């Protein structure tokens, strides 16, 4: 019994916990590889000091530092589309579920979330594989906490 308790405790201690209060389903190491393949052309992950933690200094998309639990459409100085700002102003935050659904089909996700067939996302790229999206979220969630 004590081996079971020890194994359970070790599993809980080594499972990343994130700002949204849930452990991510993805693999952060695989997510880093996917981020470097699919996201760095448009996104950077840079901390408050400007240190680039992932990606290049891309500016097409917003900085993804501390995305887990952050309000949608809230990076200062980035010009978001109206739909994502509206959701964020309504209190929506980036959770694993929201991130995965958004990156797989930004406009459809925004339309469903806002119940507005005219809502549009500015992100044209789509992550085709759900596991890749889960892995990316797990990776990004390890890079800082919301301020």
N, C-alpha and C. Protein backbone atom coordinates (compact mmCIF):
# COMPACT_ATOMS: atom_id res chain seq x y z
N UNK A 1 0.82 -1.19 0.00
CA UNK A 1 0.00 0.00 0.00
C UNK A 1 0.87 1.25 0.00
N UNK A 2 1.97 1.25 0.76
CA UNK A 2 2.81 2.44 0.83
C UNK A 2 3.48 2.73 -0.52
N UNK A 3 3.77 1.69 -1.31
CA UNK A 3 4.33 1.91 -2.65
C UNK A 3 3.31 2.60 -3.55
N UNK A 4 2.05 2.21 -3.41
CA UNK A 4 0.98 2.84 -4.19
C UNK A 4 0.86 4.32 -3.82
N UNK A 5 0.87 4.60 -2.54
CA UNK A 5 0.76 5.99 -2.08
C UNK A 5 1.95 6.80 -2.56
N UNK A 6 3.14 6.23 -2.47
CA UNK A 6 4.34 6.92 -2.94
C UNK A 6 4.27 7.16 -4.44
N UNK A 7 3.84 6.16 -5.20
CA UNK A 7 3.73 6.31 -6.66
C UNK A 7 2.69 7.38 -7.01
N UNK A 8 1.58 7.38 -6.31
CA UNK A 8 0.55 8.38 -6.56
C UNK A 8 1.06 9.78 -6.23
N UNK A 9 1.73 9.91 -5.10
CA UNK A 9 2.28 11.21 -4.72
C UNK A 9 3.30 11.70 -5.74
N UNK A 10 4.15 10.81 -6.22
CA UNK A 10 5.15 11.21 -7.21
C UNK A 10 4.48 11.63 -8.51
N UNK A 11 3.45 10.92 -8.91
CA UNK A 11 2.74 11.28 -10.13
C UNK A 11 2.11 12.66 -10.00
N UNK A 12 1.51 12.93 -8.86
CA UNK A 12 0.88 14.24 -8.65
C UNK A 12 1.92 15.35 -8.59
N UNK A 13 3.06 15.09 -7.97
CA UNK A 13 4.10 16.11 -7.87
C UNK A 13 4.78 16.39 -9.19
N UNK A 14 4.82 15.41 -10.07
CA UNK A 14 5.49 15.61 -11.36
C UNK A 14 4.54 16.03 -12.46
N UNK A 15 3.24 16.05 -12.20
CA UNK A 15 2.26 16.52 -13.19
C UNK A 15 2.19 18.02 -13.09
N UNK A 16 2.42 18.75 -14.17
CA UNK A 16 2.39 20.20 -14.10
C UNK A 16 1.00 20.71 -13.75
N UNK A 17 0.95 21.67 -12.85
CA UNK A 17 -0.30 22.35 -12.53
C UNK A 17 -0.22 23.74 -13.14
N UNK A 18 -1.31 24.22 -13.66
CA UNK A 18 -1.28 25.47 -14.39
C UNK A 18 -2.24 26.47 -13.81
N UNK A 19 -2.14 27.67 -14.31
CA UNK A 19 -2.90 28.80 -13.78
C UNK A 19 -4.40 28.56 -13.81
N UNK A 20 -4.90 27.78 -14.73
CA UNK A 20 -6.33 27.56 -14.78
C UNK A 20 -6.76 26.47 -13.80
N UNK A 21 -5.81 26.00 -12.97
CA UNK A 21 -6.13 25.05 -11.94
C UNK A 21 -6.19 23.61 -12.39
N UNK A 22 -5.86 23.33 -13.62
CA UNK A 22 -5.92 21.98 -14.15
C UNK A 22 -4.58 21.60 -14.75
N UNK A 23 -4.26 20.35 -14.65
CA UNK A 23 -3.06 19.86 -15.31
C UNK A 23 -3.36 19.74 -16.80
N UNK A 24 -2.38 20.06 -17.61
CA UNK A 24 -2.57 19.96 -19.06
C UNK A 24 -2.51 18.49 -19.48
N UNK A 25 -3.27 18.16 -20.51
CA UNK A 25 -3.31 16.79 -21.01
C UNK A 25 -2.14 16.47 -21.93
N UNK A 26 -1.50 17.49 -22.42
CA UNK A 26 -0.45 17.30 -23.41
C UNK A 26 0.92 17.05 -22.82
N UNK A 27 1.84 16.84 -23.72
CA UNK A 27 3.25 16.59 -23.42
C UNK A 27 4.03 17.86 -23.74
N UNK A 28 4.55 18.53 -22.71
CA UNK A 28 5.22 19.81 -22.90
C UNK A 28 6.44 19.70 -23.81
N UNK A 29 7.18 18.62 -23.72
CA UNK A 29 8.36 18.45 -24.57
C UNK A 29 7.96 18.34 -26.04
N UNK A 30 6.94 17.55 -26.31
CA UNK A 30 6.43 17.44 -27.68
C UNK A 30 5.83 18.78 -28.12
N UNK A 31 5.21 19.49 -27.18
CA UNK A 31 4.63 20.79 -27.48
C UNK A 31 5.67 21.81 -27.89
N UNK A 32 6.83 21.75 -27.27
CA UNK A 32 7.91 22.66 -27.65
C UNK A 32 8.32 22.40 -29.10
N UNK A 33 8.42 21.15 -29.47
CA UNK A 33 8.78 20.81 -30.86
C UNK A 33 7.70 21.29 -31.82
N UNK A 34 6.43 21.09 -31.46
CA UNK A 34 5.34 21.54 -32.33
C UNK A 34 5.29 23.07 -32.41
N UNK A 35 5.52 23.73 -31.29
CA UNK A 35 5.55 25.20 -31.29
C UNK A 35 6.64 25.68 -32.25
N UNK A 36 7.81 25.06 -32.19
CA UNK A 36 8.92 25.46 -33.06
C UNK A 36 8.64 25.15 -34.53
N UNK A 37 7.78 24.20 -34.81
CA UNK A 37 7.42 23.89 -36.20
C UNK A 37 6.28 24.76 -36.72
N UNK A 38 5.30 25.03 -35.86
CA UNK A 38 4.06 25.62 -36.35
C UNK A 38 3.79 27.06 -35.92
N UNK A 39 4.44 27.54 -34.87
CA UNK A 39 4.01 28.81 -34.28
C UNK A 39 5.03 29.95 -34.37
N UNK A 40 6.31 29.61 -34.48
CA UNK A 40 7.33 30.65 -34.34
C UNK A 40 7.35 31.67 -35.46
N UNK A 41 6.74 31.38 -36.59
CA UNK A 41 6.70 32.37 -37.66
C UNK A 41 5.87 33.59 -37.24
N UNK A 42 4.92 33.39 -36.34
CA UNK A 42 4.02 34.49 -35.95
C UNK A 42 4.09 34.86 -34.47
N UNK A 43 4.49 33.93 -33.62
CA UNK A 43 4.43 34.16 -32.17
C UNK A 43 5.80 34.06 -31.51
N UNK A 44 5.92 34.80 -30.41
CA UNK A 44 7.08 34.73 -29.54
C UNK A 44 6.56 34.47 -28.13
N UNK A 45 7.43 33.91 -27.30
CA UNK A 45 7.15 33.80 -25.88
C UNK A 45 8.29 34.55 -25.20
N UNK A 46 7.99 35.74 -24.71
CA UNK A 46 9.00 36.58 -24.07
C UNK A 46 8.46 37.05 -22.73
N UNK A 47 9.30 36.95 -21.69
CA UNK A 47 8.86 37.35 -20.36
C UNK A 47 8.82 38.87 -20.22
N UNK A 48 8.44 39.35 -19.04
CA UNK A 48 8.29 40.79 -18.80
C UNK A 48 9.59 41.56 -19.01
N UNK A 49 10.72 40.90 -18.85
CA UNK A 49 12.02 41.54 -19.06
C UNK A 49 12.43 41.54 -20.53
N UNK A 50 11.60 40.95 -21.39
CA UNK A 50 11.90 40.90 -22.81
C UNK A 50 12.76 39.72 -23.22
N UNK A 51 13.06 38.84 -22.28
CA UNK A 51 13.85 37.65 -22.59
C UNK A 51 13.00 36.68 -23.39
N UNK A 52 13.49 36.31 -24.57
CA UNK A 52 12.76 35.38 -25.43
C UNK A 52 12.97 33.96 -24.90
N UNK A 53 11.87 33.33 -24.50
CA UNK A 53 11.91 31.98 -23.96
C UNK A 53 11.64 30.94 -25.04
N UNK A 54 10.92 31.34 -26.07
CA UNK A 54 10.60 30.43 -27.17
C UNK A 54 10.26 31.26 -28.39
N UNK A 55 10.54 30.68 -29.53
CA UNK A 55 10.24 31.35 -30.78
C UNK A 55 11.27 32.40 -31.13
N UNK A 56 10.90 33.18 -32.11
CA UNK A 56 11.73 34.30 -32.52
C UNK A 56 10.99 35.56 -32.11
N UNK A 57 11.53 36.67 -32.42
CA UNK A 57 10.88 37.91 -32.03
C UNK A 57 9.79 38.29 -33.03
N UNK A 58 8.93 37.33 -33.34
CA UNK A 58 7.84 37.54 -34.29
C UNK A 58 6.78 38.44 -33.68
N UNK A 59 6.10 39.20 -34.51
CA UNK A 59 5.10 40.13 -34.01
C UNK A 59 3.76 40.03 -34.74
N UNK A 60 3.59 39.05 -35.60
CA UNK A 60 2.31 38.89 -36.30
C UNK A 60 1.21 38.53 -35.32
N UNK A 61 1.51 37.64 -34.39
CA UNK A 61 0.57 37.23 -33.36
C UNK A 61 1.04 37.75 -32.02
N UNK A 62 0.19 37.67 -31.00
CA UNK A 62 0.57 38.19 -29.68
C UNK A 62 1.62 37.31 -28.99
N UNK A 63 2.30 37.91 -28.04
CA UNK A 63 3.23 37.21 -27.17
C UNK A 63 2.43 36.17 -26.38
N UNK A 64 2.90 34.94 -26.35
CA UNK A 64 2.18 33.86 -25.68
C UNK A 64 2.70 33.56 -24.28
N UNK A 65 3.53 34.44 -23.73
CA UNK A 65 4.03 34.25 -22.36
C UNK A 65 2.86 34.29 -21.38
N UNK A 66 2.83 33.35 -20.48
CA UNK A 66 1.83 33.27 -19.41
C UNK A 66 0.41 33.20 -19.96
N UNK A 67 0.23 32.43 -21.03
CA UNK A 67 -1.09 32.35 -21.65
C UNK A 67 -2.09 31.56 -20.79
N UNK A 68 -1.63 30.55 -20.08
CA UNK A 68 -2.54 29.71 -19.29
C UNK A 68 -3.22 30.54 -18.21
N UNK A 69 -4.53 30.67 -18.32
CA UNK A 69 -5.30 31.42 -17.34
C UNK A 69 -5.41 32.91 -17.64
N UNK A 70 -4.78 33.36 -18.71
CA UNK A 70 -4.82 34.79 -19.06
C UNK A 70 -6.13 35.11 -19.79
N UNK A 71 -6.61 36.32 -19.58
CA UNK A 71 -7.81 36.80 -20.28
C UNK A 71 -7.55 36.84 -21.77
N UNK A 72 -8.52 36.41 -22.55
CA UNK A 72 -8.41 36.46 -24.01
C UNK A 72 -8.26 37.90 -24.47
N UNK A 73 -7.44 38.10 -25.48
CA UNK A 73 -7.30 39.41 -26.11
C UNK A 73 -6.76 40.49 -25.21
N UNK A 74 -5.78 40.15 -24.35
CA UNK A 74 -5.37 41.12 -23.33
C UNK A 74 -3.89 41.51 -23.34
N UNK A 75 -3.11 41.12 -24.33
CA UNK A 75 -1.70 41.51 -24.36
C UNK A 75 -1.63 42.99 -24.77
N UNK A 76 -1.05 43.80 -23.89
CA UNK A 76 -0.93 45.23 -24.16
C UNK A 76 -0.18 45.48 -25.46
N UNK A 77 -0.71 46.39 -26.25
CA UNK A 77 -0.05 46.79 -27.47
C UNK A 77 -0.33 45.93 -28.68
N UNK A 78 -1.02 44.80 -28.50
CA UNK A 78 -1.33 43.96 -29.64
C UNK A 78 -2.74 44.30 -30.13
N UNK A 79 -2.89 44.38 -31.43
CA UNK A 79 -4.19 44.72 -32.03
C UNK A 79 -4.95 43.44 -32.38
N UNK A 80 -5.80 43.06 -31.46
CA UNK A 80 -6.64 41.87 -31.64
C UNK A 80 -7.86 42.19 -32.49
N UNK A 81 -8.49 41.14 -32.98
CA UNK A 81 -9.78 41.28 -33.63
C UNK A 81 -10.85 41.55 -32.58
N UNK A 82 -11.93 42.16 -33.02
CA UNK A 82 -13.02 42.53 -32.11
C UNK A 82 -13.62 41.33 -31.38
N UNK A 83 -13.73 40.20 -32.07
CA UNK A 83 -14.41 39.03 -31.48
C UNK A 83 -13.67 38.49 -30.28
N UNK A 84 -12.35 38.35 -30.37
CA UNK A 84 -11.60 37.79 -29.25
C UNK A 84 -11.54 38.79 -28.09
N UNK A 85 -11.52 40.07 -28.41
CA UNK A 85 -11.54 41.10 -27.37
C UNK A 85 -12.88 41.05 -26.64
N UNK A 86 -13.96 40.91 -27.38
CA UNK A 86 -15.30 40.83 -26.77
C UNK A 86 -15.38 39.66 -25.79
N UNK A 87 -14.86 38.51 -26.19
CA UNK A 87 -14.88 37.35 -25.29
C UNK A 87 -14.05 37.63 -24.04
N UNK A 88 -12.87 38.20 -24.23
CA UNK A 88 -12.01 38.50 -23.09
C UNK A 88 -12.64 39.50 -22.15
N UNK A 89 -13.27 40.53 -22.70
CA UNK A 89 -13.94 41.53 -21.86
C UNK A 89 -15.10 40.92 -21.09
N UNK A 90 -15.63 39.81 -21.60
CA UNK A 90 -16.68 39.08 -20.91
C UNK A 90 -16.15 38.14 -19.84
N UNK A 91 -14.83 38.11 -19.67
CA UNK A 91 -14.22 37.29 -18.62
C UNK A 91 -13.62 35.98 -19.09
N UNK A 92 -13.66 35.70 -20.38
CA UNK A 92 -13.10 34.43 -20.88
C UNK A 92 -11.58 34.42 -20.72
N UNK A 93 -11.08 33.28 -20.31
CA UNK A 93 -9.64 33.09 -20.12
C UNK A 93 -9.16 31.90 -20.94
N UNK A 94 -7.87 31.89 -21.20
CA UNK A 94 -7.27 30.76 -21.92
C UNK A 94 -7.15 29.56 -21.00
N UNK A 95 -7.94 28.57 -21.28
CA UNK A 95 -7.83 27.27 -20.64
C UNK A 95 -7.31 26.31 -21.69
N UNK A 96 -6.98 25.12 -21.28
CA UNK A 96 -6.56 24.12 -22.25
C UNK A 96 -7.65 23.89 -23.29
N UNK A 97 -8.88 23.74 -22.83
CA UNK A 97 -10.00 23.47 -23.74
C UNK A 97 -10.18 24.61 -24.74
N UNK A 98 -10.16 25.85 -24.26
CA UNK A 98 -10.34 27.01 -25.15
C UNK A 98 -9.19 27.12 -26.14
N UNK A 99 -7.96 26.96 -25.67
CA UNK A 99 -6.79 27.07 -26.54
C UNK A 99 -6.84 26.03 -27.65
N UNK A 100 -7.08 24.79 -27.28
CA UNK A 100 -7.09 23.69 -28.26
C UNK A 100 -8.17 23.93 -29.31
N UNK A 101 -9.37 24.29 -28.88
CA UNK A 101 -10.45 24.55 -29.83
C UNK A 101 -10.13 25.75 -30.72
N UNK A 102 -9.59 26.81 -30.13
CA UNK A 102 -9.29 28.03 -30.89
C UNK A 102 -8.23 27.76 -31.96
N UNK A 103 -7.12 27.15 -31.59
CA UNK A 103 -6.04 26.98 -32.57
C UNK A 103 -6.41 26.00 -33.67
N UNK A 104 -7.40 25.16 -33.44
CA UNK A 104 -7.82 24.23 -34.49
C UNK A 104 -8.77 24.88 -35.49
N UNK A 105 -9.51 25.89 -35.07
CA UNK A 105 -10.41 26.60 -35.99
C UNK A 105 -10.84 27.92 -35.32
N UNK A 106 -9.99 28.93 -35.41
CA UNK A 106 -10.24 30.18 -34.68
C UNK A 106 -11.61 30.81 -34.95
N UNK A 107 -11.97 30.99 -36.19
CA UNK A 107 -13.24 31.66 -36.49
C UNK A 107 -14.44 30.85 -36.04
N UNK A 108 -14.44 29.56 -36.30
CA UNK A 108 -15.57 28.73 -35.86
C UNK A 108 -15.71 28.74 -34.35
N UNK A 109 -14.58 28.66 -33.64
CA UNK A 109 -14.63 28.67 -32.18
C UNK A 109 -15.19 29.99 -31.67
N UNK A 110 -14.74 31.10 -32.25
CA UNK A 110 -15.24 32.41 -31.82
C UNK A 110 -16.74 32.54 -32.11
N UNK A 111 -17.17 32.07 -33.27
CA UNK A 111 -18.60 32.15 -33.61
C UNK A 111 -19.45 31.36 -32.62
N UNK A 112 -18.97 30.18 -32.28
CA UNK A 112 -19.72 29.36 -31.32
C UNK A 112 -19.71 29.99 -29.94
N UNK A 113 -18.55 30.44 -29.49
CA UNK A 113 -18.43 31.01 -28.15
C UNK A 113 -19.27 32.28 -27.99
N UNK A 114 -19.33 33.08 -29.04
CA UNK A 114 -20.08 34.33 -28.99
C UNK A 114 -21.53 34.18 -29.47
N UNK A 115 -21.85 33.00 -30.01
CA UNK A 115 -23.16 32.76 -30.61
C UNK A 115 -23.47 33.86 -31.63
N UNK A 116 -22.48 34.09 -32.50
CA UNK A 116 -22.57 35.15 -33.50
C UNK A 116 -21.92 34.65 -34.79
N UNK A 117 -22.72 34.44 -35.81
CA UNK A 117 -22.20 33.93 -37.08
C UNK A 117 -21.31 34.93 -37.82
N UNK A 118 -21.26 36.14 -37.36
CA UNK A 118 -20.41 37.15 -37.99
C UNK A 118 -19.06 37.31 -37.29
N UNK A 119 -18.89 36.66 -36.16
CA UNK A 119 -17.61 36.75 -35.44
C UNK A 119 -16.50 36.19 -36.33
N UNK A 120 -15.34 36.79 -36.23
CA UNK A 120 -14.20 36.35 -37.05
C UNK A 120 -12.93 36.37 -36.22
N UNK A 121 -12.08 35.43 -36.52
CA UNK A 121 -10.76 35.41 -35.92
C UNK A 121 -9.73 35.96 -36.90
N UNK A 122 -8.70 36.58 -36.38
CA UNK A 122 -7.64 37.11 -37.25
C UNK A 122 -6.58 36.05 -37.56
N UNK A 123 -6.53 35.00 -36.74
CA UNK A 123 -5.53 33.96 -36.96
C UNK A 123 -6.00 33.05 -38.08
N UNK A 124 -5.26 33.02 -39.16
CA UNK A 124 -5.63 32.19 -40.32
C UNK A 124 -5.10 30.78 -40.22
N UNK A 125 -4.00 30.59 -39.52
CA UNK A 125 -3.37 29.28 -39.40
C UNK A 125 -4.23 28.38 -38.51
N UNK A 126 -4.25 27.09 -38.82
CA UNK A 126 -4.95 26.10 -38.00
C UNK A 126 -4.01 24.97 -37.64
N UNK A 127 -4.05 24.56 -36.40
CA UNK A 127 -3.33 23.36 -35.96
C UNK A 127 -4.22 22.19 -36.32
N UNK A 128 -3.76 21.32 -37.16
CA UNK A 128 -4.59 20.24 -37.70
C UNK A 128 -4.83 19.10 -36.71
N UNK A 129 -3.87 18.85 -35.85
CA UNK A 129 -3.92 17.68 -34.98
C UNK A 129 -4.23 18.11 -33.54
N UNK A 130 -5.28 17.55 -32.96
CA UNK A 130 -5.67 17.90 -31.60
C UNK A 130 -4.56 17.62 -30.60
N UNK A 131 -3.86 16.51 -30.75
CA UNK A 131 -2.79 16.20 -29.81
C UNK A 131 -1.67 17.23 -29.89
N UNK A 132 -1.36 17.71 -31.10
CA UNK A 132 -0.37 18.77 -31.24
C UNK A 132 -0.80 20.01 -30.46
N UNK A 133 -2.08 20.36 -30.56
CA UNK A 133 -2.60 21.53 -29.85
C UNK A 133 -2.53 21.32 -28.34
N UNK A 134 -2.87 20.13 -27.87
CA UNK A 134 -2.76 19.82 -26.44
C UNK A 134 -1.32 19.93 -25.97
N UNK A 135 -0.41 19.41 -26.78
CA UNK A 135 1.01 19.45 -26.43
C UNK A 135 1.52 20.90 -26.40
N UNK A 136 1.09 21.71 -27.37
CA UNK A 136 1.52 23.11 -27.40
C UNK A 136 1.04 23.85 -26.16
N UNK A 137 -0.21 23.61 -25.76
CA UNK A 137 -0.72 24.26 -24.55
C UNK A 137 0.10 23.83 -23.34
N UNK A 138 0.40 22.55 -23.24
CA UNK A 138 1.20 22.07 -22.12
C UNK A 138 2.56 22.78 -22.08
N UNK A 139 3.19 22.93 -23.23
CA UNK A 139 4.46 23.63 -23.32
C UNK A 139 4.31 25.10 -22.92
N UNK A 140 3.36 25.78 -23.52
CA UNK A 140 3.18 27.21 -23.24
C UNK A 140 2.84 27.46 -21.78
N UNK A 141 2.07 26.55 -21.19
CA UNK A 141 1.67 26.71 -19.80
C UNK A 141 2.86 26.61 -18.84
N UNK A 142 3.96 26.04 -19.28
CA UNK A 142 5.15 25.97 -18.42
C UNK A 142 5.95 27.26 -18.47
N UNK A 143 5.60 28.17 -19.36
CA UNK A 143 6.37 29.39 -19.56
C UNK A 143 5.70 30.61 -18.94
N UNK A 144 5.68 30.64 -17.64
CA UNK A 144 5.19 31.81 -16.92
C UNK A 144 3.76 31.69 -16.48
N UNK A 145 3.46 32.51 -15.48
CA UNK A 145 2.11 32.57 -14.94
C UNK A 145 1.55 33.97 -15.17
N UNK A 146 0.23 34.08 -15.29
CA UNK A 146 -0.36 35.41 -15.50
C UNK A 146 0.00 36.36 -14.36
N UNK A 147 0.14 37.62 -14.71
CA UNK A 147 0.48 38.63 -13.70
C UNK A 147 -0.75 39.17 -13.05
